[in-house]
Amino acid sequence: MAVIIQPNQRGSRTFIIISVAAALAILAIGAYYLFFTPAPLIEAILPANLQSVADLSGLQFNPQEVLQDEFFSSEDPGRSINLPVIGPNSLGRENPFAAF
């Protein structure tokens, strides 16, 4: 097996310079768009049918009005939800990887 040593070619240095210049140009363009262009506002991004959600911020909420409404007062106050009693041993399966 023979080893052939060739002199440095001039074209490889030119390729490196062009590659470095292209990489710097891409970084400069990316930095410009990242730091110097104005950010789009959320109103410009939302579709027209979702822009009406901004109207909800103007609504006033009065909890007394809701509590005095006959729909909520007509419910049976004695009704309760029976939740299961959870003890220290019933928090999960003994072996979570066991078959069901």
C-alpha atoms as a PDB file:
ATOM      1  CA  MET A   1       0.000   0.000   0.000  1.00  0.00           C
ATOM      2  CA  ALA A   2       1.440   3.303  -1.022  1.00  0.00           C
ATOM      3  CA  VAL A   3       0.896   6.631   0.683  1.00  0.00           C
ATOM      4  CA  ILE A   4       0.669   9.542  -1.701  1.00  0.00           C
ATOM      5  CA  ILE A   5       1.349  12.983  -0.273  1.00  0.00           C
ATOM      6  CA  GLN A   6      -0.021  15.821  -2.337  1.00  0.00           C
ATOM      7  CA  PRO A   7       0.686  19.501  -1.863  1.00  0.00           C
ATOM      8  CA  ASN A   8      -2.053  21.702  -0.339  1.00  0.00           C
ATOM      9  CA  GLN A   9      -4.643  22.661  -2.852  1.00  0.00           C
ATOM     10  CA  ARG A  10      -5.662  26.290  -3.053  1.00  0.00           C
ATOM     11  CA  GLY A  11      -9.360  25.467  -3.542  1.00  0.00           C
ATOM     12  CA  SER A  12      -9.833  23.956  -0.080  1.00  0.00           C
ATOM     13  CA  ARG A  13      -8.910  27.222   1.674  1.00  0.00           C
ATOM     14  CA  THR A  14     -11.387  29.129  -0.490  1.00  0.00           C
ATOM     15  CA  PHE A  15     -14.100  26.613   0.396  1.00  0.00           C
ATOM     16  CA  ILE A  16     -13.420  27.088   4.126  1.00  0.00           C
ATOM     17  CA  ILE A  17     -13.580  30.875   3.823  1.00  0.00           C
ATOM     18  CA  ILE A  18     -16.877  30.717   1.906  1.00  0.00           C
ATOM     19  CA  SER A  19     -18.332  28.251   4.451  1.00  0.00           C
ATOM     20  CA  VAL A  20     -17.363  30.435   7.410  1.00  0.00           C
ATOM     21  CA  ALA A  21     -18.785  33.518   5.685  1.00  0.00           C
ATOM     22  CA  ALA A  22     -22.080  31.695   4.975  1.00  0.00           C
ATOM     23  CA  ALA A  23     -22.318  30.504   8.590  1.00  0.00           C
ATOM     24  CA  LEU A  24     -21.702  34.038   9.886  1.00  0.00           C
ATOM     25  CA  ALA A  25     -24.324  35.414   7.504  1.00  0.00           C
ATOM     26  CA  ILE A  26     -26.887  32.867   8.725  1.00  0.00           C
ATOM     27  CA  LEU A  27     -26.101  33.725  12.354  1.00  0.00           C
ATOM     28  CA  ALA A  28     -26.369  37.452  11.640  1.00  0.00           C
ATOM     29  CA  ILE A  29     -29.739  37.048   9.906  1.00  0.00           C
ATOM     30  CA  GLY A  30     -31.017  34.851  12.737  1.00  0.00           C
ATOM     31  CA  ALA A  31     -29.865  37.355  15.377  1.00  0.00           C
ATOM     32  CA  TYR A  32     -31.550  40.190  13.476  1.00  0.00           C
ATOM     33  CA  TYR A  33     -34.903  38.382  13.335  1.00  0.00           C
ATOM     34  CA  LEU A  34     -34.597  37.225  16.940  1.00  0.00           C
ATOM     35  CA  PHE A  35     -33.635  40.525  18.562  1.00  0.00           C
ATOM     36  CA  PHE A  36     -34.559  43.421  16.270  1.00  0.00           C
ATOM     37  CA  THR A  37     -37.844  42.593  14.513  1.00  0.00           C
ATOM     38  CA  PRO A  38     -41.065  43.486  16.362  1.00  0.00           C
ATOM     39  CA  ALA A  39     -42.859  40.546  17.991  1.00  0.00           C
ATOM     40  CA  PRO A  40     -46.376  39.862  16.697  1.00  0.00           C
ATOM     41  CA  LEU A  41     -49.120  40.664  19.168  1.00  0.00           C
ATOM     42  CA  ILE A  42     -51.532  38.002  20.330  1.00  0.00           C
ATOM     43  CA  GLU A  43     -54.458  39.863  18.749  1.00  0.00           C
ATOM     44  CA  ALA A  44     -52.848  39.489  15.357  1.00  0.00           C
ATOM     45  CA  ILE A  45     -52.328  35.746  15.836  1.00  0.00           C
ATOM     46  CA  LEU A  46     -55.817  34.810  17.054  1.00  0.00           C
ATOM     47  CA  PRO A  47     -58.461  34.010  14.470  1.00  0.00           C
ATOM     48  CA  ALA A  48     -61.429  36.363  14.218  1.00  0.00           C
ATOM     49  CA  ASN A  49     -63.874  34.039  16.014  1.00  0.00           C
ATOM     50  CA  LEU A  50     -61.596  33.811  19.075  1.00  0.00           C
ATOM     51  CA  GLN A  51     -61.072  37.551  19.344  1.00  0.00           C
ATOM     52  CA  SER A  52     -64.545  37.868  20.872  1.00  0.00           C
ATOM     53  CA  VAL A  53     -63.150  36.150  23.989  1.00  0.00           C
ATOM     54  CA  ALA A  54     -61.614  39.506  24.902  1.00  0.00           C
ATOM     55  CA  ASP A  55     -65.170  40.722  25.578  1.00  0.00           C
ATOM     56  CA  LEU A  56     -65.349  38.335  28.552  1.00  0.00           C
ATOM     57  CA  SER A  57     -62.823  40.412  30.460  1.00  0.00           C
ATOM     58  CA  GLY A  58     -65.403  43.192  30.767  1.00  0.00           C
ATOM     59  CA  LEU A  59     -68.000  41.015  32.533  1.00  0.00           C
ATOM     60  CA  GLN A  60     -68.657  41.647  36.212  1.00  0.00           C
ATOM     61  CA  PHE A  61     -69.142  38.692  38.583  1.00  0.00           C
ATOM     62  CA  ASN A  62     -71.299  39.089  41.663  1.00  0.00           C
ATOM     63  CA  PRO A  63     -71.319  35.913  43.823  1.00  0.00           C
ATOM     64  CA  GLN A  64     -74.333  37.087  45.866  1.00  0.00           C
ATOM     65  CA  GLU A  65     -76.426  37.230  42.719  1.00  0.00           C
ATOM     66  CA  VAL A  66     -75.526  33.663  41.894  1.00  0.00           C
ATOM     67  CA  LEU A  67     -76.232  32.373  45.393  1.00  0.00           C
ATOM     68  CA  GLN A  68     -79.631  34.078  45.526  1.00  0.00           C
ATOM     69  CA  ASP A  69     -80.703  32.723  42.142  1.00  0.00           C
ATOM     70  CA  GLU A  70     -83.711  30.384  42.469  1.00  0.00           C
ATOM     71  CA  PHE A  71     -82.004  27.646  40.449  1.00  0.00           C
ATOM     72  CA  PHE A  72     -79.294  27.253  43.058  1.00  0.00           C
ATOM     73  CA  SER A  73     -81.610  27.814  46.029  1.00  0.00           C
ATOM     74  CA  SER A  74     -84.059  25.127  44.813  1.00  0.00           C
ATOM     75  CA  GLU A  75     -81.517  22.361  45.316  1.00  0.00           C
ATOM     76  CA  ASP A  76     -81.945  20.152  48.369  1.00  0.00           C
ATOM     77  CA  PRO A  77     -79.466  21.435  50.978  1.00  0.00           C
ATOM     78  CA  GLY A  78     -79.502  18.077  52.799  1.00  0.00           C
ATOM     79  CA  ARG A  79     -78.203  16.200  49.807  1.00  0.00           C
ATOM     80  CA  SER A  80     -74.586  15.205  50.118  1.00  0.00           C
ATOM     81  CA  ILE A  81     -72.076  13.149  48.227  1.00  0.00           C
ATOM     82  CA  ASN A  82     -70.933   9.959  49.894  1.00  0.00           C
ATOM     83  CA  LEU A  83     -67.270   9.454  49.194  1.00  0.00           C
ATOM     84  CA  PRO A  84     -65.522   6.190  50.001  1.00  0.00           C
ATOM     85  CA  VAL A  85     -63.423   6.186  53.125  1.00  0.00           C
ATOM     86  CA  ILE A  86     -59.777   6.087  52.195  1.00  0.00           C
ATOM     87  CA  GLY A  87     -57.458   4.440  54.643  1.00  0.00           C
ATOM     88  CA  PRO A  88     -53.683   4.102  54.605  1.00  0.00           C
ATOM     89  CA  ASN A  89     -53.887   0.653  52.983  1.00  0.00           C
ATOM     90  CA  SER A  90     -56.374   1.551  50.251  1.00  0.00           C
ATOM     91  CA  LEU A  91     -54.331   4.177  48.410  1.00  0.00           C
ATOM     92  CA  GLY A  92     -53.427   1.852  45.569  1.00  0.00           C
ATOM     93  CA  ARG A  93     -52.781  -1.672  44.500  1.00  0.00           C
ATOM     94  CA  GLU A  94     -50.319  -3.714  46.461  1.00  0.00           C
ATOM     95  CA  ASN A  95     -48.536  -4.708  43.269  1.00  0.00           C
ATOM     96  CA  PRO A  96     -49.211  -2.152  40.507  1.00  0.00           C
ATOM     97  CA  PHE A  97     -47.655  -4.452  37.895  1.00  0.00           C
ATOM     98  CA  ALA A  98     -49.875  -7.434  38.648  1.00  0.00           C
ATOM     99  CA  ALA A  99     -52.484  -8.486  36.088  1.00  0.00           C
ATOM    100  CA  PHE A 100     -56.074  -7.399  36.663  1.00  0.00           C
END
